Amino acid sequence: MAFKVAEGSVFAVLSRSPWWYSALIGGVFVLTSLVVPSAQIAILVVACSLPFFGIAGFAAYKQFRRPSAQKIQEVDSQARSLSATAVAERIAKIYVDARFDSVEFKGAAAELELERGNRKLLLSSKRFKAANTGIEPLKKLVAAGEQIEATGYLYVALGQISANAEEFANANNIEIIRGSRLVEYFDGTATID
């Protein structure tokens, strides 16, 4: 059973916020304990601060591992100098290293088909240089995937993604690769599930 944090919970919100927000809240609890007259209540208040310091540590760990804006820009520029096929092959390398078979996709919606066991992914980078991506290329990708019984999709986009496209991607198991996630693929540090 996987543990899943509710999207709107305090932990989820603080883990996405700058790490020092949680540390500040924990500090407020500690300072409050100094002015509380009862030692027992002071201990309780300090104990209440501990989860916030834990969240601060978790958020700091995540945030310091995230690539810098400069690194994201460098990889973006590097990707723009490559062809769609070369970008697809760079991303597919992580999957090939994880023992996926990579085969050229025979269709206009994607470049590669990645398969291991009963898992089949379609990788599309055909329009990765487009300034804006709407829902139509994602629908074409899903339609192509339905024909080969794909279980997931990878879509590379360096430009803006419309809200409708984001919603469609979430509903149809499409991972949109951009920004820091593209850096992970290009650096070879991306984790796949």
Protein backbone atom coordinates (compact mmCIF):
# COMPACT_ATOMS: atom_id res chain seq x y z
CA MET A 1 0.00 0.00 0.00
CA ALA A 2 1.53 3.30 -1.12
CA PHE A 3 1.29 6.30 1.16
CA LYS A 4 -0.27 9.28 -0.64
CA VAL A 5 -0.46 12.74 0.87
CA ALA A 6 -3.66 14.71 0.27
CA GLU A 7 -2.99 17.47 -2.27
CA GLY A 8 -4.30 20.31 -0.09
CA SER A 9 -2.87 19.13 3.24
CA VAL A 10 -0.48 21.30 5.24
CA PHE A 11 2.34 18.82 4.59
CA ALA A 12 1.75 18.86 0.83
CA VAL A 13 1.51 22.65 0.64
CA LEU A 14 4.61 23.21 2.77
CA SER A 15 6.64 20.56 0.94
CA ARG A 16 6.02 22.49 -2.31
CA SER A 17 6.81 25.85 -0.67
CA PRO A 18 10.29 27.23 0.04
CA TRP A 19 11.87 25.19 2.86
CA TRP A 20 12.25 28.14 5.17
CA TYR A 21 8.45 28.57 5.44
CA SER A 22 8.26 25.35 7.44
CA ALA A 23 11.36 26.25 9.46
CA LEU A 24 9.81 29.63 10.27
CA ILE A 25 6.59 28.01 11.51
CA GLY A 26 8.63 25.59 13.64
CA GLY A 27 10.62 28.54 15.00
CA VAL A 28 7.40 30.32 15.97
CA PHE A 29 6.38 27.23 17.97
CA VAL A 30 9.76 27.15 19.73
CA LEU A 31 9.59 30.89 20.55
CA THR A 32 6.03 30.42 21.83
CA SER A 33 7.27 27.70 24.16
CA LEU A 34 9.64 30.22 25.76
CA VAL A 35 6.80 32.49 26.87
CA VAL A 36 4.43 29.74 28.06
CA PRO A 37 4.47 29.66 31.89
CA SER A 38 3.84 25.91 32.23
CA ALA A 39 6.79 23.60 31.52
CA GLN A 40 4.47 20.78 30.41
CA ILE A 41 2.73 22.97 27.84
CA ALA A 42 6.10 24.30 26.68
CA ILE A 43 7.27 20.73 26.02
CA LEU A 44 4.06 20.06 24.10
CA VAL A 45 4.53 23.22 22.01
CA VAL A 46 8.14 22.25 21.20
CA ALA A 47 6.94 18.76 20.25
CA CYS A 48 4.42 20.37 17.88
CA SER A 49 7.28 22.18 16.13
CA LEU A 50 9.12 18.97 15.23
CA PRO A 51 6.93 18.01 12.23
CA PHE A 52 7.50 21.46 10.74
CA PHE A 53 11.27 21.09 11.06
CA GLY A 54 10.93 17.66 9.42
CA ILE A 55 8.95 19.17 6.54
CA ALA A 56 11.59 21.93 6.24
CA GLY A 57 14.30 19.29 5.92
CA PHE A 58 12.32 17.32 3.33
CA ALA A 59 11.52 20.45 1.30
CA ALA A 60 15.15 21.64 1.47
CA TYR A 61 16.35 18.24 0.26
CA LYS A 62 13.97 18.37 -2.71
CA GLN A 63 14.72 22.00 -3.52
CA PHE A 64 18.51 21.70 -3.40
CA ARG A 65 18.38 18.68 -5.72
CA ARG A 66 16.33 20.61 -8.28
CA PRO A 67 18.40 21.95 -11.20
CA SER A 68 19.06 25.68 -11.31
CA ALA A 69 17.34 28.01 -13.76
CA GLN A 70 20.67 28.40 -15.56
CA LYS A 71 21.01 24.62 -15.98
CA ILE A 72 17.43 24.37 -17.27
CA GLN A 73 18.19 27.14 -19.79
CA GLU A 74 21.40 25.39 -20.91
CA VAL A 75 19.61 22.09 -21.50
CA ASP A 76 16.75 23.91 -23.25
CA SER A 77 19.26 25.54 -25.64
CA GLN A 78 21.05 22.24 -26.14
CA ALA A 79 17.77 20.47 -26.95
CA ARG A 80 16.73 23.19 -29.40
CA SER A 81 19.94 22.58 -31.36
CA LEU A 82 19.04 18.89 -31.79
CA SER A 83 16.55 17.19 -34.08
CA ALA A 84 13.33 15.68 -32.73
CA THR A 85 14.75 12.19 -33.29
CA ALA A 86 17.96 13.00 -31.40
CA VAL A 87 15.97 14.38 -28.44
CA ALA A 88 13.79 11.26 -28.42
CA GLU A 89 16.87 9.03 -28.43
CA ARG A 90 18.44 10.96 -25.51
CA ILE A 91 15.27 10.45 -23.48
CA ALA A 92 14.90 6.81 -24.56
CA LYS A 93 18.42 6.04 -23.32
CA ILE A 94 17.15 6.04 -19.70
CA TYR A 95 14.52 3.47 -20.65
CA VAL A 96 16.94 1.36 -22.68
CA ASP A 97 19.28 1.33 -19.66
CA ALA A 98 16.28 0.07 -17.63
CA ARG A 99 15.92 -2.83 -20.12
CA PHE A 100 13.17 -1.40 -22.27
CA ASP A 101 13.24 -2.22 -25.98
CA SER A 102 13.24 0.88 -28.16
CA VAL A 103 11.68 0.59 -31.60
CA GLU A 104 10.96 3.28 -34.16
CA PHE A 105 7.24 4.00 -34.18
CA LYS A 106 5.56 3.56 -37.56
CA GLY A 107 3.26 6.56 -37.47
CA ALA A 108 3.12 10.34 -37.41
CA ALA A 109 2.22 10.79 -33.73
CA ALA A 110 5.46 9.59 -32.10
CA GLU A 111 9.10 8.76 -32.73
CA LEU A 112 9.68 5.75 -30.51
CA GLU A 113 7.86 2.88 -28.90
CA LEU A 114 9.40 1.73 -25.62
CA GLU A 115 8.42 -1.70 -24.38
CA ARG A 116 9.29 -3.96 -21.45
CA GLY A 117 7.02 -6.84 -20.50
CA ASN A 118 3.42 -5.65 -20.52
CA ARG A 119 4.47 -2.00 -20.36
CA LYS A 120 4.38 -0.08 -23.63
CA LEU A 121 5.13 3.66 -23.90
CA LEU A 122 4.95 6.01 -26.85
CA LEU A 123 7.53 8.82 -26.93
CA SER A 124 6.77 11.91 -28.98
CA SER A 125 9.12 14.83 -29.54
CA LYS A 126 7.89 15.82 -33.00
CA ARG A 127 6.65 19.26 -31.92
CA PHE A 128 9.02 19.85 -29.01
CA LYS A 129 10.15 23.26 -30.32
CA ALA A 130 6.59 24.61 -30.65
CA ALA A 131 6.01 27.81 -28.67
CA ASN A 132 2.56 26.64 -27.53
CA THR A 133 1.13 23.15 -27.22
CA GLY A 134 -2.58 22.58 -27.21
CA ILE A 135 -4.62 19.46 -26.75
CA GLU A 136 -4.63 18.21 -30.38
CA PRO A 137 -1.11 16.68 -30.54
CA LEU A 138 -1.80 14.90 -27.25
CA LYS A 139 -5.07 13.50 -28.60
CA LYS A 140 -3.22 12.22 -31.69
CA LEU A 141 -0.62 10.60 -29.45
CA VAL A 142 -3.29 8.84 -27.37
CA ALA A 143 -5.15 7.72 -30.51
CA ALA A 144 -1.94 6.21 -31.88
CA GLY A 145 -1.27 4.57 -28.54
CA GLU A 146 -4.72 2.99 -28.43
CA GLN A 147 -3.95 1.20 -31.69
CA ILE A 148 -0.90 -0.48 -30.19
CA GLU A 149 -2.35 -0.81 -26.65
CA ALA A 150 0.11 1.62 -25.05
CA THR A 151 0.06 1.86 -21.26
CA GLY A 152 1.64 5.33 -21.06
CA TYR A 153 2.95 8.26 -23.04
CA LEU A 154 5.91 10.64 -23.00
CA TYR A 155 5.56 14.03 -24.68
CA VAL A 156 8.47 16.49 -24.98
CA ALA A 157 7.57 20.18 -25.02
CA LEU A 158 9.86 23.17 -24.54
CA GLY A 159 7.14 25.80 -24.95
CA GLN A 160 3.97 26.62 -23.04
CA ILE A 161 1.34 23.94 -22.42
CA SER A 162 -2.30 25.02 -22.41
CA ALA A 163 -4.42 24.32 -19.34
CA ASN A 164 -6.65 21.98 -21.38
CA ALA A 165 -3.58 20.07 -22.57
CA GLU A 166 -2.28 19.75 -18.98
CA GLU A 167 -5.66 18.42 -17.86
CA PHE A 168 -5.81 15.98 -20.76
CA ALA A 169 -2.26 14.78 -20.04
CA ASN A 170 -3.10 14.12 -16.38
CA ALA A 171 -6.24 12.21 -17.33
CA ASN A 172 -4.49 10.04 -19.95
CA ASN A 173 -1.20 9.05 -18.28
CA ILE A 174 0.93 11.40 -20.40
CA GLU A 175 4.18 12.60 -18.86
CA ILE A 176 5.01 16.00 -20.30
CA ILE A 177 8.80 16.31 -20.32
CA ARG A 178 10.06 19.87 -19.94
CA GLY A 179 12.14 22.07 -17.68
CA SER A 180 13.80 20.26 -14.79
CA ARG A 181 12.50 16.86 -15.93
CA LEU A 182 14.22 17.35 -19.31
CA VAL A 183 17.45 18.15 -17.45
CA GLU A 184 17.13 14.85 -15.57
CA TYR A 185 16.75 12.93 -18.83
CA PHE A 186 19.65 14.72 -20.50
CA ASP A 187 21.92 14.26 -17.46
CA GLY A 188 20.95 10.60 -17.14
CA THR A 189 19.59 11.06 -13.59
CA ALA A 190 15.89 10.61 -14.37
CA THR A 191 14.09 7.93 -12.42
CA ILE A 192 11.37 5.93 -14.08
CA ASP A 193 8.73 3.82 -12.39
